[in-house]
Amino acid sequence: MLIVAAALAVSAVSSAQTLPDVTVEDSRGKEIAVRSLLTGRPMIISYWSIACKPCIQELNAINDVIDEWREEADFDVVAVSVDDIRLVAGARAKASALGWDFTCVYDPNQDLKRAMNVNLTPQSFVVDADGKIVFSHTGYTPGSEELLFEKILEITETADGND
């Protein structure tokens, strides 16, 4: 099973090298360009749905340590709900109730999900400051969020070394 997940992660990165040019909805339902989420900082993009308990566990775990992580690196986190149009209101309510301290966007038509070749959730990506996808991880076990942060640190250390 782990080998299959690793193969999926590698294929996702090789086929979607940069953040795609599609739109998603913000927390108010307004369409925004995905590339507008780029702020010049690296980011973690995590796909989730209201029916995916491991997805919510991962995002809760990230939320629990995000302040500590931000002391070490300047980066963003974007949670992408893949709940369809029938469930997007519930996803907005769930994200609000959980009080996540990061950006939540909604992909009710699953355009971003398709463009980034996401087949299973949770699926997380690490994207550099220029929008290049540098790492992908499928699935969640407690503690695996640390791997995402390690990749963020690698990116920020490399960027700092080039200045």
C-alpha atoms as a PDB file:
ATOM      1  CA  MET A   1       0.000   0.000   0.000  1.00  0.00           C
ATOM      2  CA  LEU A   2       2.825   2.373   0.881  1.00  0.00           C
ATOM      3  CA  ILE A   3       4.520   1.712  -2.463  1.00  0.00           C
ATOM      4  CA  VAL A   4       1.299   2.539  -4.308  1.00  0.00           C
ATOM      5  CA  ALA A   5       0.967   5.816  -2.379  1.00  0.00           C
ATOM      6  CA  ALA A   6       4.592   6.692  -3.142  1.00  0.00           C
ATOM      7  CA  ALA A   7       4.054   5.965  -6.830  1.00  0.00           C
ATOM      8  CA  LEU A   8       0.983   8.182  -6.855  1.00  0.00           C
ATOM      9  CA  ALA A   9       2.913  10.976  -5.146  1.00  0.00           C
ATOM     10  CA  VAL A  10       5.752  10.804  -7.663  1.00  0.00           C
ATOM     11  CA  SER A  11       3.390  10.754 -10.640  1.00  0.00           C
ATOM     12  CA  ALA A  12       1.479  13.754  -9.312  1.00  0.00           C
ATOM     13  CA  VAL A  13       4.630  15.853  -9.043  1.00  0.00           C
ATOM     14  CA  SER A  14       5.990  14.826 -12.434  1.00  0.00           C
ATOM     15  CA  SER A  15       2.756  15.553 -14.291  1.00  0.00           C
ATOM     16  CA  ALA A  16       1.828  18.833 -12.570  1.00  0.00           C
ATOM     17  CA  GLN A  17       5.084  20.734 -12.208  1.00  0.00           C
ATOM     18  CA  THR A  18       3.611  24.148 -11.488  1.00  0.00           C
ATOM     19  CA  LEU A  19       0.508  25.450  -9.800  1.00  0.00           C
ATOM     20  CA  PRO A  20      -2.235  25.317 -12.460  1.00  0.00           C
ATOM     21  CA  ASP A  21      -4.124  28.329 -13.776  1.00  0.00           C
ATOM     22  CA  VAL A  22      -7.659  27.502 -12.625  1.00  0.00           C
ATOM     23  CA  THR A  23     -10.141  29.131 -10.271  1.00  0.00           C
ATOM     24  CA  VAL A  24     -11.499  28.079  -6.894  1.00  0.00           C
ATOM     25  CA  GLU A  25     -13.867  29.736  -4.437  1.00  0.00           C
ATOM     26  CA  ASP A  26     -12.804  31.627  -1.342  1.00  0.00           C
ATOM     27  CA  SER A  27     -14.607  31.352   2.003  1.00  0.00           C
ATOM     28  CA  ARG A  28     -17.326  33.753   0.788  1.00  0.00           C
ATOM     29  CA  GLY A  29     -17.954  31.866  -2.464  1.00  0.00           C
ATOM     30  CA  LYS A  30     -16.103  34.396  -4.657  1.00  0.00           C
ATOM     31  CA  GLU A  31     -14.059  32.912  -7.512  1.00  0.00           C
ATOM     32  CA  ILE A  32     -10.325  33.495  -7.239  1.00  0.00           C
ATOM     33  CA  ALA A  33      -7.406  32.418  -9.389  1.00  0.00           C
ATOM     34  CA  VAL A  34      -5.329  29.706  -7.739  1.00  0.00           C
ATOM     35  CA  ARG A  35      -2.149  31.513  -8.732  1.00  0.00           C
ATOM     36  CA  SER A  36      -3.349  34.543  -6.743  1.00  0.00           C
ATOM     37  CA  LEU A  37      -2.648  32.441  -3.643  1.00  0.00           C
ATOM     38  CA  LEU A  38       1.076  32.731  -4.376  1.00  0.00           C
ATOM     39  CA  THR A  39       2.551  35.311  -2.021  1.00  0.00           C
ATOM     40  CA  GLY A  40       6.265  34.927  -2.716  1.00  0.00           C
ATOM     41  CA  ARG A  41       6.489  32.350   0.069  1.00  0.00           C
ATOM     42  CA  PRO A  42       6.429  28.555  -0.165  1.00  0.00           C
ATOM     43  CA  MET A  43       3.170  26.864   0.715  1.00  0.00           C
ATOM     44  CA  ILE A  44       1.607  23.616   1.762  1.00  0.00           C
ATOM     45  CA  ILE A  45      -1.531  22.767  -0.189  1.00  0.00           C
ATOM     46  CA  SER A  46      -3.657  20.104   1.463  1.00  0.00           C
ATOM     47  CA  TYR A  47      -6.738  18.565  -0.160  1.00  0.00           C
ATOM     48  CA  TRP A  48      -9.573  17.530   2.114  1.00  0.00           C
ATOM     49  CA  SER A  49     -13.284  16.768   2.270  1.00  0.00           C
ATOM     50  CA  ILE A  50     -15.804  16.718   5.096  1.00  0.00           C
ATOM     51  CA  ALA A  51     -16.106  12.925   4.823  1.00  0.00           C
ATOM     52  CA  CYS A  52     -12.333  12.350   5.080  1.00  0.00           C
ATOM     53  CA  LYS A  53     -11.349  11.935   8.736  1.00  0.00           C
ATOM     54  CA  PRO A  54      -7.612  11.591   8.017  1.00  0.00           C
ATOM     55  CA  CYS A  55      -7.773  14.849   6.027  1.00  0.00           C
ATOM     56  CA  ILE A  56      -9.241  16.717   8.966  1.00  0.00           C
ATOM     57  CA  GLN A  57      -6.767  15.076  11.349  1.00  0.00           C
ATOM     58  CA  GLU A  58      -3.875  16.259   9.176  1.00  0.00           C
ATOM     59  CA  LEU A  59      -5.188  19.818   8.924  1.00  0.00           C
ATOM     60  CA  ASN A  60      -5.892  19.915  12.663  1.00  0.00           C
ATOM     61  CA  ALA A  61      -2.348  18.687  13.338  1.00  0.00           C
ATOM     62  CA  ILE A  62      -0.916  21.396  11.076  1.00  0.00           C
ATOM     63  CA  ASN A  63      -3.085  23.998  12.774  1.00  0.00           C
ATOM     64  CA  ASP A  64      -1.834  22.842  16.193  1.00  0.00           C
ATOM     65  CA  VAL A  65       1.832  23.479  15.272  1.00  0.00           C
ATOM     66  CA  ILE A  66       1.583  26.241  12.680  1.00  0.00           C
ATOM     67  CA  ASP A  67       2.613  29.036  15.059  1.00  0.00           C
ATOM     68  CA  GLU A  68       5.744  27.107  16.061  1.00  0.00           C
ATOM     69  CA  TRP A  69       6.537  26.323  12.442  1.00  0.00           C
ATOM     70  CA  ARG A  70       6.126  29.953  11.429  1.00  0.00           C
ATOM     71  CA  GLU A  71       8.810  30.899  13.952  1.00  0.00           C
ATOM     72  CA  GLU A  72      11.226  28.843  11.832  1.00  0.00           C
ATOM     73  CA  ALA A  73       9.988  29.546   8.305  1.00  0.00           C
ATOM     74  CA  ASP A  74       7.815  32.042   6.451  1.00  0.00           C
ATOM     75  CA  PHE A  75       5.246  30.025   4.498  1.00  0.00           C
ATOM     76  CA  ASP A  76       1.539  29.650   3.790  1.00  0.00           C
ATOM     77  CA  VAL A  77      -0.927  26.804   4.169  1.00  0.00           C
ATOM     78  CA  VAL A  78      -3.919  26.411   1.866  1.00  0.00           C
ATOM     79  CA  ALA A  79      -6.606  23.821   2.566  1.00  0.00           C
ATOM     80  CA  VAL A  80      -8.538  22.876  -0.575  1.00  0.00           C
ATOM     81  CA  SER A  81     -11.950  21.327  -0.055  1.00  0.00           C
ATOM     82  CA  VAL A  82     -12.928  18.969  -2.858  1.00  0.00           C
ATOM     83  CA  ASP A  83     -16.508  18.672  -1.668  1.00  0.00           C
ATOM     84  CA  ASP A  84     -18.903  19.092  -4.573  1.00  0.00           C
ATOM     85  CA  ILE A  85     -21.544  21.780  -4.939  1.00  0.00           C
ATOM     86  CA  ARG A  86     -24.005  19.847  -2.742  1.00  0.00           C
ATOM     87  CA  LEU A  87     -21.582  19.748   0.189  1.00  0.00           C
ATOM     88  CA  VAL A  88     -19.551  22.945  -0.165  1.00  0.00           C
ATOM     89  CA  ALA A  89     -21.689  24.884   2.348  1.00  0.00           C
ATOM     90  CA  GLY A  90     -21.039  22.137   4.897  1.00  0.00           C
ATOM     91  CA  ALA A  91     -17.318  22.285   4.132  1.00  0.00           C
ATOM     92  CA  ARG A  92     -17.281  26.052   4.699  1.00  0.00           C
ATOM     93  CA  ALA A  93     -19.099  25.595   8.007  1.00  0.00           C
ATOM     94  CA  LYS A  94     -16.737  22.792   9.067  1.00  0.00           C
ATOM     95  CA  ALA A  95     -13.607  24.816   8.274  1.00  0.00           C
ATOM     96  CA  SER A  96     -14.995  27.807  10.145  1.00  0.00           C
ATOM     97  CA  ALA A  97     -15.977  25.709  13.170  1.00  0.00           C
ATOM     98  CA  LEU A  98     -12.525  24.108  13.331  1.00  0.00           C
ATOM     99  CA  GLY A  99     -10.890  27.544  13.428  1.00  0.00           C
ATOM    100  CA  TRP A 100      -7.988  26.732  11.129  1.00  0.00           C
ATOM    101  CA  ASP A 101      -5.385  29.498  11.034  1.00  0.00           C
ATOM    102  CA  PHE A 102      -4.753  29.286   7.307  1.00  0.00           C
ATOM    103  CA  THR A 103      -6.449  29.925   3.994  1.00  0.00           C
ATOM    104  CA  CYS A 104      -9.322  27.639   3.005  1.00  0.00           C
ATOM    105  CA  VAL A 105     -10.541  27.482  -0.576  1.00  0.00           C
ATOM    106  CA  TYR A 106     -13.238  25.391  -2.181  1.00  0.00           C
ATOM    107  CA  ASP A 107     -13.097  23.432  -5.427  1.00  0.00           C
ATOM    108  CA  PRO A 108     -16.755  22.380  -5.931  1.00  0.00           C
ATOM    109  CA  ASN A 109     -16.263  21.586  -9.633  1.00  0.00           C
ATOM    110  CA  GLN A 110     -12.990  19.817  -8.817  1.00  0.00           C
ATOM    111  CA  ASP A 111     -11.093  21.753 -11.508  1.00  0.00           C
ATOM    112  CA  LEU A 112      -8.008  22.194  -9.311  1.00  0.00           C
ATOM    113  CA  LYS A 113      -8.216  18.606  -8.105  1.00  0.00           C
ATOM    114  CA  ARG A 114      -8.150  17.369 -11.710  1.00  0.00           C
ATOM    115  CA  ALA A 115      -5.447  19.815 -12.787  1.00  0.00           C
ATOM    116  CA  MET A 116      -3.167  18.606  -9.991  1.00  0.00           C
ATOM    117  CA  ASN A 117      -4.003  14.933 -10.556  1.00  0.00           C
ATOM    118  CA  VAL A 118      -5.369  14.390  -7.064  1.00  0.00           C
ATOM    119  CA  ASN A 119      -6.966  10.951  -6.903  1.00  0.00           C
ATOM    120  CA  LEU A 120      -7.108  10.317  -3.160  1.00  0.00           C
ATOM    121  CA  THR A 121      -7.453  12.483  -0.084  1.00  0.00           C
ATOM    122  CA  PRO A 122      -5.673  13.510   1.959  1.00  0.00           C
ATOM    123  CA  GLN A 123      -3.171  14.636  -0.618  1.00  0.00           C
ATOM    124  CA  SER A 124      -0.699  17.370   0.203  1.00  0.00           C
ATOM    125  CA  PHE A 125       1.755  19.303  -1.923  1.00  0.00           C
ATOM    126  CA  VAL A 126       4.642  21.576  -1.097  1.00  0.00           C
ATOM    127  CA  VAL A 127       4.964  24.435  -3.568  1.00  0.00           C
ATOM    128  CA  ASP A 128       7.913  26.812  -3.742  1.00  0.00           C
ATOM    129  CA  ALA A 129       7.614  30.606  -3.825  1.00  0.00           C
ATOM    130  CA  ASP A 130       7.394  30.576  -7.640  1.00  0.00           C
ATOM    131  CA  GLY A 131       4.543  28.053  -7.767  1.00  0.00           C
ATOM    132  CA  LYS A 132       6.655  25.009  -8.640  1.00  0.00           C
ATOM    133  CA  ILE A 133       5.423  21.802  -7.039  1.00  0.00           C
ATOM    134  CA  VAL A 134       8.411  20.277  -5.262  1.00  0.00           C
ATOM    135  CA  PHE A 135       6.845  17.530  -3.149  1.00  0.00           C
ATOM    136  CA  SER A 136       3.671  15.485  -2.905  1.00  0.00           C
ATOM    137  CA  HIS A 137       2.387  13.181  -0.196  1.00  0.00           C
ATOM    138  CA  THR A 138      -0.732  10.997  -0.136  1.00  0.00           C
ATOM    139  CA  GLY A 139      -2.380   9.751   3.040  1.00  0.00           C
ATOM    140  CA  TYR A 140      -1.989  10.693   6.670  1.00  0.00           C
ATOM    141  CA  THR A 141      -0.686   9.072   9.801  1.00  0.00           C
ATOM    142  CA  PRO A 142      -0.070  11.074  12.981  1.00  0.00           C
ATOM    143  CA  GLY A 143       3.264  12.841  12.649  1.00  0.00           C
ATOM    144  CA  SER A 144       3.428  12.746   8.850  1.00  0.00           C
ATOM    145  CA  GLU A 145       2.700  16.483   8.759  1.00  0.00           C
ATOM    146  CA  GLU A 146       6.304  16.911   9.936  1.00  0.00           C
ATOM    147  CA  LEU A 147       7.489  15.689   6.531  1.00  0.00           C
ATOM    148  CA  LEU A 148       5.663  18.592   4.884  1.00  0.00           C
ATOM    149  CA  PHE A 149       7.382  21.041   7.220  1.00  0.00           C
ATOM    150  CA  GLU A 150      10.786  19.452   6.555  1.00  0.00           C
ATOM    151  CA  LYS A 151      10.235  20.148   2.849  1.00  0.00           C
ATOM    152  CA  ILE A 152       9.278  23.764   3.636  1.00  0.00           C
ATOM    153  CA  LEU A 153      12.507  24.125   5.633  1.00  0.00           C
ATOM    154  CA  GLU A 154      14.531  22.676   2.753  1.00  0.00           C
ATOM    155  CA  ILE A 155      13.003  25.214   0.358  1.00  0.00           C
ATOM    156  CA  THR A 156      13.526  28.184   2.653  1.00  0.00           C
ATOM    157  CA  GLU A 157      17.120  27.165   3.453  1.00  0.00           C
ATOM    158  CA  THR A 158      17.880  26.807  -0.260  1.00  0.00           C
ATOM    159  CA  ALA A 159      16.278  30.178  -1.014  1.00  0.00           C
ATOM    160  CA  ASP A 160      18.184  31.830   1.847  1.00  0.00           C
ATOM    161  CA  GLY A 161      21.411  30.287   0.592  1.00  0.00           C
ATOM    162  CA  ASN A 162      20.888  31.853  -2.848  1.00  0.00           C
ATOM    163  CA  ASP A 163      20.455  35.410  -1.565  1.00  0.00           C
END
